[in-house]
Every structure is written in structure tokens, then in C-alpha cells.
């Protein structure tokens, strides 16, 4: 996810992280002696940070604060649990980044909602035509903050790809981080884009 200011940990920082998250990492059979770790602060949490830990064979994502390690698993369960514990603090400045983070790391069994704001965000198959690329490019929009609705939810507008179709949709974000897509409008379908398989089952 390009918008996150990921920092590669130094060997010393990696050792400190490994010591803190050892039990969770070993439960997933990561090779701790070959671990490369990146980290980023998340502006909606005061203490939890986001980590990407990778060895020669697998990559894992974690939300960690001193005394608590949560291994992410492509479901919304972990994010919602951390939101409650943290607690999450959303505002107009960070709600768009939170939405992008959420949809990047939550992938449902029926498909993945991919936020697309500019032509480079779209992954095309080799048989995609210049005409359909141009049609998609002309309909893309940056995620925009619209307002706070009467139910106190943030209302964002965006374009997303789901399976092989492009939609315009509203993203509604509750103060506790609960996400909802509403008012979907089909813009284009039968696009020559890859359809992501269901995420791997991670326990």
C-alpha cells in the first residue's frame, strides 16, 4: 500500500520486534533468523503500529503495541478488534487513509473491493484493449471526503473494482471504524482485469 510510510527496521529494531512478537511469529512458522520487517505508524491509533514481517517463504501482517500482538488474516475481525481495544480515533484528516488500509487488507471470500483512483491503480490483463483502458481512466476519481452524515458516519465517494467490474460507490465509516459500501453504481463491466482468488485461510 503506497500511502503508508513504511520504514525498514534496522537489525537492532528487528530483534526488538521479534522478541515482542516471537510467540505469534513462531506460531506461523516464520524463520526468525531470516526475518525482514517493515513498520508504519497508523494515525488512527495512538499505540498500535502496523508491521510487515517476511522470511524466505511467507509474509505476515501484524498490528502491535507493547503487550499486545494481533496477527492479521485478511478478514475484518482483527481490525475491528483492535479498533475497539485501541480505541480507534478517526477524523476528517485520516478517514480516507483508514478506508484505503481497510480495503487493502480485508479480502472477502466473494471477492475483493479494490479502490482505484488513477489509471496506474488498475491491473490489466495482456488482452486488455486501449479503448477499455481509456474508458476506465475517464471514470476514475480520487477518494473524496463528502460530509458527516446524520448518523455521525463519515461519507466518502470512490471508484472501486469488484471482480471484473468498475463501480462508483459511497464508503460510510462509523466512528468506531465499521465500514459499509452503499449506493453502488455500475460504470463498466466485463473488464479484462485479473480476478483475485479468495485469500488464503490464515489462523
C-alpha atoms as a PDB file:
ATOM      1  CA  UNK A   1       0.000   0.000   0.000  1.00  0.00           C
ATOM      2  CA  UNK A   2       1.826   3.042  -1.300  1.00  0.00           C
ATOM      3  CA  UNK A   3       0.305   5.642   1.017  1.00  0.00           C
ATOM      4  CA  UNK A   4       1.720   4.051   4.175  1.00  0.00           C
ATOM      5  CA  UNK A   5       5.120   5.479   5.189  1.00  0.00           C
ATOM      6  CA  UNK A   6       6.749   2.086   5.695  1.00  0.00           C
ATOM      7  CA  UNK A   7      10.184   2.045   7.273  1.00  0.00           C
ATOM      8  CA  UNK A   8      12.560  -0.912   7.064  1.00  0.00           C
ATOM      9  CA  UNK A   9      13.691  -1.839  10.557  1.00  0.00           C
ATOM     10  CA  UNK A  10      17.359  -1.978  11.397  1.00  0.00           C
ATOM     11  CA  UNK A  11      18.808  -5.283  12.685  1.00  0.00           C
ATOM     12  CA  UNK A  12      18.558  -3.991  16.236  1.00  0.00           C
ATOM     13  CA  UNK A  13      14.954  -2.865  15.747  1.00  0.00           C
ATOM     14  CA  UNK A  14      14.117  -6.190  14.111  1.00  0.00           C
ATOM     15  CA  UNK A  15      15.483  -8.074  17.109  1.00  0.00           C
ATOM     16  CA  UNK A  16      13.365  -5.952  19.462  1.00  0.00           C
ATOM     17  CA  UNK A  17      10.266  -6.559  17.343  1.00  0.00           C
ATOM     18  CA  UNK A  18      10.982 -10.296  17.138  1.00  0.00           C
ATOM     19  CA  UNK A  19      11.342 -10.523  20.902  1.00  0.00           C
ATOM     20  CA  UNK A  20       7.978  -8.845  21.352  1.00  0.00           C
ATOM     21  CA  UNK A  21       6.114 -10.828  18.687  1.00  0.00           C
ATOM     22  CA  UNK A  22       8.012 -14.126  18.954  1.00  0.00           C
ATOM     23  CA  UNK A  23       5.076 -16.280  20.012  1.00  0.00           C
ATOM     24  CA  UNK A  24       2.834 -15.055  17.173  1.00  0.00           C
ATOM     25  CA  UNK A  25       5.607 -15.335  14.577  1.00  0.00           C
ATOM     26  CA  UNK A  26       6.649 -18.830  15.646  1.00  0.00           C
ATOM     27  CA  UNK A  27       3.011 -19.976  15.613  1.00  0.00           C
ATOM     28  CA  UNK A  28       3.025 -19.186  11.872  1.00  0.00           C
ATOM     29  CA  UNK A  29       6.381 -20.925  11.371  1.00  0.00           C
ATOM     30  CA  UNK A  30       8.292 -17.854  10.253  1.00  0.00           C
ATOM     31  CA  UNK A  31      12.051 -18.219  10.146  1.00  0.00           C
ATOM     32  CA  UNK A  32      13.082 -15.642  12.744  1.00  0.00           C
ATOM     33  CA  UNK A  33      16.734 -15.741  11.696  1.00  0.00           C
ATOM     34  CA  UNK A  34      15.806 -14.596   8.171  1.00  0.00           C
ATOM     35  CA  UNK A  35      13.172 -12.041   9.049  1.00  0.00           C
ATOM     36  CA  UNK A  36      12.850  -8.724   7.220  1.00  0.00           C
ATOM     37  CA  UNK A  37      10.480  -6.262   8.876  1.00  0.00           C
ATOM     38  CA  UNK A  38       8.851  -3.010   7.840  1.00  0.00           C
ATOM     39  CA  UNK A  39       6.765  -0.794  10.102  1.00  0.00           C
ATOM     40  CA  UNK A  40       4.440   2.185   9.853  1.00  0.00           C
ATOM     41  CA  UNK A  41       2.542   4.308  12.327  1.00  0.00           C
ATOM     42  CA  UNK A  42      -1.199   4.496  11.737  1.00  0.00           C
ATOM     43  CA  UNK A  43      -2.686   7.917  12.538  1.00  0.00           C
ATOM     44  CA  UNK A  44      -5.963   6.478  13.861  1.00  0.00           C
ATOM     45  CA  UNK A  45      -4.141   4.552  16.616  1.00  0.00           C
ATOM     46  CA  UNK A  46      -2.078   6.108  19.381  1.00  0.00           C
ATOM     47  CA  UNK A  47      -0.096   2.999  20.292  1.00  0.00           C
ATOM     48  CA  UNK A  48      -0.622   0.231  17.737  1.00  0.00           C
ATOM     49  CA  UNK A  49       1.730   0.135  14.772  1.00  0.00           C
ATOM     50  CA  UNK A  50       1.476  -1.828  11.557  1.00  0.00           C
ATOM     51  CA  UNK A  51       4.212  -4.347  10.713  1.00  0.00           C
ATOM     52  CA  UNK A  52       5.032  -6.452   7.673  1.00  0.00           C
ATOM     53  CA  UNK A  53       7.240  -9.426   8.567  1.00  0.00           C
ATOM     54  CA  UNK A  54       8.645 -11.666   5.828  1.00  0.00           C
ATOM     55  CA  UNK A  55      11.005 -14.615   5.634  1.00  0.00           C
ATOM     56  CA  UNK A  56      12.059 -16.625   2.567  1.00  0.00           C
ATOM     57  CA  UNK A  57       8.619 -18.214   2.119  1.00  0.00           C
ATOM     58  CA  UNK A  58       5.822 -16.080   3.566  1.00  0.00           C
ATOM     59  CA  UNK A  59       4.738 -12.587   4.520  1.00  0.00           C
ATOM     60  CA  UNK A  60       2.609 -11.717   7.519  1.00  0.00           C
ATOM     61  CA  UNK A  61       0.920  -8.507   8.631  1.00  0.00           C
ATOM     62  CA  UNK A  62       0.541  -7.510  12.254  1.00  0.00           C
ATOM     63  CA  UNK A  63      -0.903  -4.793  14.458  1.00  0.00           C
ATOM     64  CA  UNK A  64       1.257  -4.430  17.546  1.00  0.00           C
ATOM     65  CA  UNK A  65       1.514  -2.316  20.666  1.00  0.00           C
ATOM     66  CA  UNK A  66       3.561  -3.018  23.784  1.00  0.00           C
ATOM     67  CA  UNK A  67       1.997  -6.053  25.415  1.00  0.00           C
ATOM     68  CA  UNK A  68      -0.344  -6.955  22.558  1.00  0.00           C
ATOM     69  CA  UNK A  69       0.267  -8.606  19.177  1.00  0.00           C
ATOM     70  CA  UNK A  70      -2.527  -9.160  16.652  1.00  0.00           C
ATOM     71  CA  UNK A  71      -1.764 -11.203  13.512  1.00  0.00           C
ATOM     72  CA  UNK A  72      -3.918 -10.039  10.609  1.00  0.00           C
ATOM     73  CA  UNK A  73      -5.652 -12.648   8.442  1.00  0.00           C
ATOM     74  CA  UNK A  74      -7.379 -10.805   5.541  1.00  0.00           C
ATOM     75  CA  UNK A  75     -10.651 -10.576   7.487  1.00  0.00           C
ATOM     76  CA  UNK A  76     -12.145  -7.517   9.167  1.00  0.00           C
ATOM     77  CA  UNK A  77     -12.204  -9.336  12.515  1.00  0.00           C
ATOM     78  CA  UNK A  78      -8.704  -8.348  13.606  1.00  0.00           C
ATOM     79  CA  UNK A  79      -9.030  -4.708  12.556  1.00  0.00           C
ATOM     80  CA  UNK A  80     -12.366  -4.346  14.319  1.00  0.00           C
ATOM     81  CA  UNK A  81     -10.964  -5.977  17.452  1.00  0.00           C
ATOM     82  CA  UNK A  82      -8.001  -3.610  17.538  1.00  0.00           C
ATOM     83  CA  UNK A  83     -10.298  -0.660  16.825  1.00  0.00           C
ATOM     84  CA  UNK A  84     -12.205  -1.500  19.994  1.00  0.00           C
ATOM     85  CA  UNK A  85      -9.116  -2.016  22.116  1.00  0.00           C
ATOM     86  CA  UNK A  86      -7.060   0.906  20.844  1.00  0.00           C
ATOM     87  CA  UNK A  87      -9.537   2.706  20.694  1.00  0.00           C
ATOM     88  CA  UNK A  88      -9.664   3.978  17.124  1.00  0.00           C
ATOM     89  CA  UNK A  89      -9.700   7.758  16.650  1.00  0.00           C
ATOM     90  CA  UNK A  90     -10.941   8.775  13.237  1.00  0.00           C
ATOM     91  CA  UNK A  91     -11.194  12.310  11.913  1.00  0.00           C
ATOM     92  CA  UNK A  92     -11.548  14.082   8.609  1.00  0.00           C
ATOM     93  CA  UNK A  93      -7.778  14.000   8.056  1.00  0.00           C
ATOM     94  CA  UNK A  94      -7.237  10.244   8.497  1.00  0.00           C
ATOM     95  CA  UNK A  95     -10.524   8.592   7.488  1.00  0.00           C
ATOM     96  CA  UNK A  96      -9.582   8.281   3.801  1.00  0.00           C
ATOM     97  CA  UNK A  97      -6.279   6.565   4.612  1.00  0.00           C
ATOM     98  CA  UNK A  98      -8.078   4.272   7.058  1.00  0.00           C
ATOM     99  CA  UNK A  99     -10.535   3.287   4.318  1.00  0.00           C
ATOM    100  CA  UNK A 100      -7.726   2.509   1.890  1.00  0.00           C
ATOM    101  CA  UNK A 101      -5.911   0.468   4.555  1.00  0.00           C
ATOM    102  CA  UNK A 102      -9.069  -1.446   5.411  1.00  0.00           C
ATOM    103  CA  UNK A 103      -9.952  -2.444   1.855  1.00  0.00           C
ATOM    104  CA  UNK A 104      -6.354  -3.313   1.027  1.00  0.00           C
ATOM    105  CA  UNK A 105      -6.014  -5.750   3.928  1.00  0.00           C
ATOM    106  CA  UNK A 106      -9.578  -7.116   4.083  1.00  0.00           C
ATOM    107  CA  UNK A 107     -10.462  -9.513   1.279  1.00  0.00           C
ATOM    108  CA  UNK A 108     -13.762 -11.352   1.379  1.00  0.00           C
ATOM    109  CA  UNK A 109     -14.419 -14.861   0.138  1.00  0.00           C
ATOM    110  CA  UNK A 110     -16.723 -13.492  -2.571  1.00  0.00           C
ATOM    111  CA  UNK A 111     -14.179 -11.028  -3.867  1.00  0.00           C
ATOM    112  CA  UNK A 112     -12.058  -8.000  -3.122  1.00  0.00           C
ATOM    113  CA  UNK A 113     -13.007  -4.357  -3.379  1.00  0.00           C
ATOM    114  CA  UNK A 114     -10.049  -2.549  -4.916  1.00  0.00           C
ATOM    115  CA  UNK A 115     -10.057   1.224  -4.604  1.00  0.00           C
ATOM    116  CA  UNK A 116      -8.853   2.715  -7.901  1.00  0.00           C
ATOM    117  CA  UNK A 117      -8.164   6.426  -8.141  1.00  0.00           C
ATOM    118  CA  UNK A 118      -5.933   6.743 -11.212  1.00  0.00           C
ATOM    119  CA  UNK A 119      -5.068   4.618 -14.275  1.00  0.00           C
ATOM    120  CA  UNK A 120      -1.913   3.196 -12.662  1.00  0.00           C
ATOM    121  CA  UNK A 121      -4.066   1.640  -9.916  1.00  0.00           C
ATOM    122  CA  UNK A 122      -5.705  -0.742 -12.410  1.00  0.00           C
ATOM    123  CA  UNK A 123      -4.027  -4.105 -13.065  1.00  0.00           C
ATOM    124  CA  UNK A 124      -4.786  -5.107 -16.650  1.00  0.00           C
ATOM    125  CA  UNK A 125      -4.543  -8.477 -18.360  1.00  0.00           C
ATOM    126  CA  UNK A 126      -2.443  -8.720 -21.514  1.00  0.00           C
ATOM    127  CA  UNK A 127      -5.553  -8.825 -23.699  1.00  0.00           C
ATOM    128  CA  UNK A 128      -6.923  -5.507 -22.390  1.00  0.00           C
ATOM    129  CA  UNK A 129      -7.538  -3.027 -25.191  1.00  0.00           C
ATOM    130  CA  UNK A 130      -6.545   0.654 -25.298  1.00  0.00           C
ATOM    131  CA  UNK A 131     -10.216   1.514 -25.721  1.00  0.00           C
ATOM    132  CA  UNK A 132     -11.342  -0.095 -22.455  1.00  0.00           C
ATOM    133  CA  UNK A 133      -8.318   1.330 -20.638  1.00  0.00           C
ATOM    134  CA  UNK A 134      -9.317   4.780 -21.819  1.00  0.00           C
ATOM    135  CA  UNK A 135     -12.947   4.249 -20.805  1.00  0.00           C
ATOM    136  CA  UNK A 136     -11.900   3.192 -17.306  1.00  0.00           C
ATOM    137  CA  UNK A 137      -9.394   6.046 -16.951  1.00  0.00           C
ATOM    138  CA  UNK A 138     -12.112   8.555 -17.811  1.00  0.00           C
ATOM    139  CA  UNK A 139     -14.351   7.334 -14.984  1.00  0.00           C
ATOM    140  CA  UNK A 140     -11.838   7.104 -12.143  1.00  0.00           C
ATOM    141  CA  UNK A 141     -11.904   9.559  -9.257  1.00  0.00           C
ATOM    142  CA  UNK A 142      -9.799  10.113  -6.140  1.00  0.00           C
ATOM    143  CA  UNK A 143     -11.424   9.075  -2.898  1.00  0.00           C
ATOM    144  CA  UNK A 144     -13.148  12.232  -1.703  1.00  0.00           C
ATOM    145  CA  UNK A 145     -14.476  13.320   1.660  1.00  0.00           C
ATOM    146  CA  UNK A 146     -18.109  14.338   1.261  1.00  0.00           C
ATOM    147  CA  UNK A 147     -19.508  15.065   4.722  1.00  0.00           C
ATOM    148  CA  UNK A 148     -20.503  13.648   8.082  1.00  0.00           C
ATOM    149  CA  UNK A 149     -23.951  12.127   7.691  1.00  0.00           C
ATOM    150  CA  UNK A 150     -26.827  12.462  10.129  1.00  0.00           C
ATOM    151  CA  UNK A 151     -25.942   9.130  11.712  1.00  0.00           C
ATOM    152  CA  UNK A 152     -22.474  10.557  12.528  1.00  0.00           C
ATOM    153  CA  UNK A 153     -20.753   8.408   9.887  1.00  0.00           C
ATOM    154  CA  UNK A 154     -18.143   9.794   7.553  1.00  0.00           C
ATOM    155  CA  UNK A 155     -19.289   9.698   3.939  1.00  0.00           C
ATOM    156  CA  UNK A 156     -16.654   9.201   1.228  1.00  0.00           C
ATOM    157  CA  UNK A 157     -17.061   8.791  -2.537  1.00  0.00           C
ATOM    158  CA  UNK A 158     -14.827   6.485  -4.549  1.00  0.00           C
ATOM    159  CA  UNK A 159     -14.422   4.233  -7.559  1.00  0.00           C
ATOM    160  CA  UNK A 160     -13.709   0.546  -6.940  1.00  0.00           C
ATOM    161  CA  UNK A 161     -13.147  -2.592  -8.955  1.00  0.00           C
ATOM    162  CA  UNK A 162     -15.016  -5.683  -7.769  1.00  0.00           C
ATOM    163  CA  UNK A 163     -14.278  -8.856  -9.701  1.00  0.00           C
ATOM    164  CA  UNK A 164     -14.149  -7.548 -13.313  1.00  0.00           C
ATOM    165  CA  UNK A 165     -16.440  -4.524 -12.989  1.00  0.00           C
ATOM    166  CA  UNK A 166     -15.918  -0.863 -12.144  1.00  0.00           C
ATOM    167  CA  UNK A 167     -18.298   0.835  -9.707  1.00  0.00           C
ATOM    168  CA  UNK A 168     -18.789   4.244  -8.230  1.00  0.00           C
ATOM    169  CA  UNK A 169     -19.698   3.805  -4.575  1.00  0.00           C
ATOM    170  CA  UNK A 170     -20.030   5.607  -1.295  1.00  0.00           C
ATOM    171  CA  UNK A 171     -17.969   4.461   1.668  1.00  0.00           C
ATOM    172  CA  UNK A 172     -19.612   5.002   5.027  1.00  0.00           C
ATOM    173  CA  UNK A 173     -17.290   4.876   8.034  1.00  0.00           C
ATOM    174  CA  UNK A 174     -18.634   4.808  11.575  1.00  0.00           C
ATOM    175  CA  UNK A 175     -16.675   6.493  14.398  1.00  0.00           C
ATOM    176  CA  UNK A 176     -15.709   3.012  15.657  1.00  0.00           C
ATOM    177  CA  UNK A 177     -14.253   2.121  12.234  1.00  0.00           C
ATOM    178  CA  UNK A 178     -17.128  -0.029  10.961  1.00  0.00           C
ATOM    179  CA  UNK A 179     -17.123   0.069   7.142  1.00  0.00           C
ATOM    180  CA  UNK A 180     -20.006  -0.084   4.685  1.00  0.00           C
ATOM    181  CA  UNK A 181     -20.313   0.389   0.928  1.00  0.00           C
ATOM    182  CA  UNK A 182     -23.579   1.940  -0.243  1.00  0.00           C
ATOM    183  CA  UNK A 183     -25.224   3.378  -3.343  1.00  0.00           C
ATOM    184  CA  UNK A 184     -23.124   1.344  -5.756  1.00  0.00           C
ATOM    185  CA  UNK A 185     -23.393   2.453  -9.387  1.00  0.00           C
ATOM    186  CA  UNK A 186     -22.108   0.107 -12.092  1.00  0.00           C
ATOM    187  CA  UNK A 187     -19.914   2.046 -14.508  1.00  0.00           C
ATOM    188  CA  UNK A 188     -18.291  -0.648 -16.671  1.00  0.00           C
ATOM    189  CA  UNK A 189     -18.302  -4.453 -16.665  1.00  0.00           C
ATOM    190  CA  UNK A 190     -16.560  -7.404 -18.308  1.00  0.00           C
ATOM    191  CA  UNK A 191     -13.194  -5.698 -17.950  1.00  0.00           C
ATOM    192  CA  UNK A 192     -10.009  -7.566 -18.801  1.00  0.00           C
ATOM    193  CA  UNK A 193      -8.599  -7.399 -15.297  1.00  0.00           C
ATOM    194  CA  UNK A 194      -7.389 -10.239 -13.079  1.00  0.00           C
ATOM    195  CA  UNK A 195      -9.918 -11.506 -10.554  1.00  0.00           C
ATOM    196  CA  UNK A 196      -8.182 -12.149  -7.265  1.00  0.00           C
ATOM    197  CA  UNK A 197      -8.773 -15.596  -5.744  1.00  0.00           C
ATOM    198  CA  UNK A 198     -10.125 -15.843  -2.187  1.00  0.00           C
ATOM    199  CA  UNK A 199      -7.465 -15.030   0.387  1.00  0.00           C
ATOM    200  CA  UNK A 200      -5.573 -17.898   1.973  1.00  0.00           C
ATOM    201  CA  UNK A 201      -7.068 -19.226   5.166  1.00  0.00           C
ATOM    202  CA  UNK A 202      -4.893 -17.919   7.995  1.00  0.00           C
ATOM    203  CA  UNK A 203      -5.358 -18.824  11.605  1.00  0.00           C
END
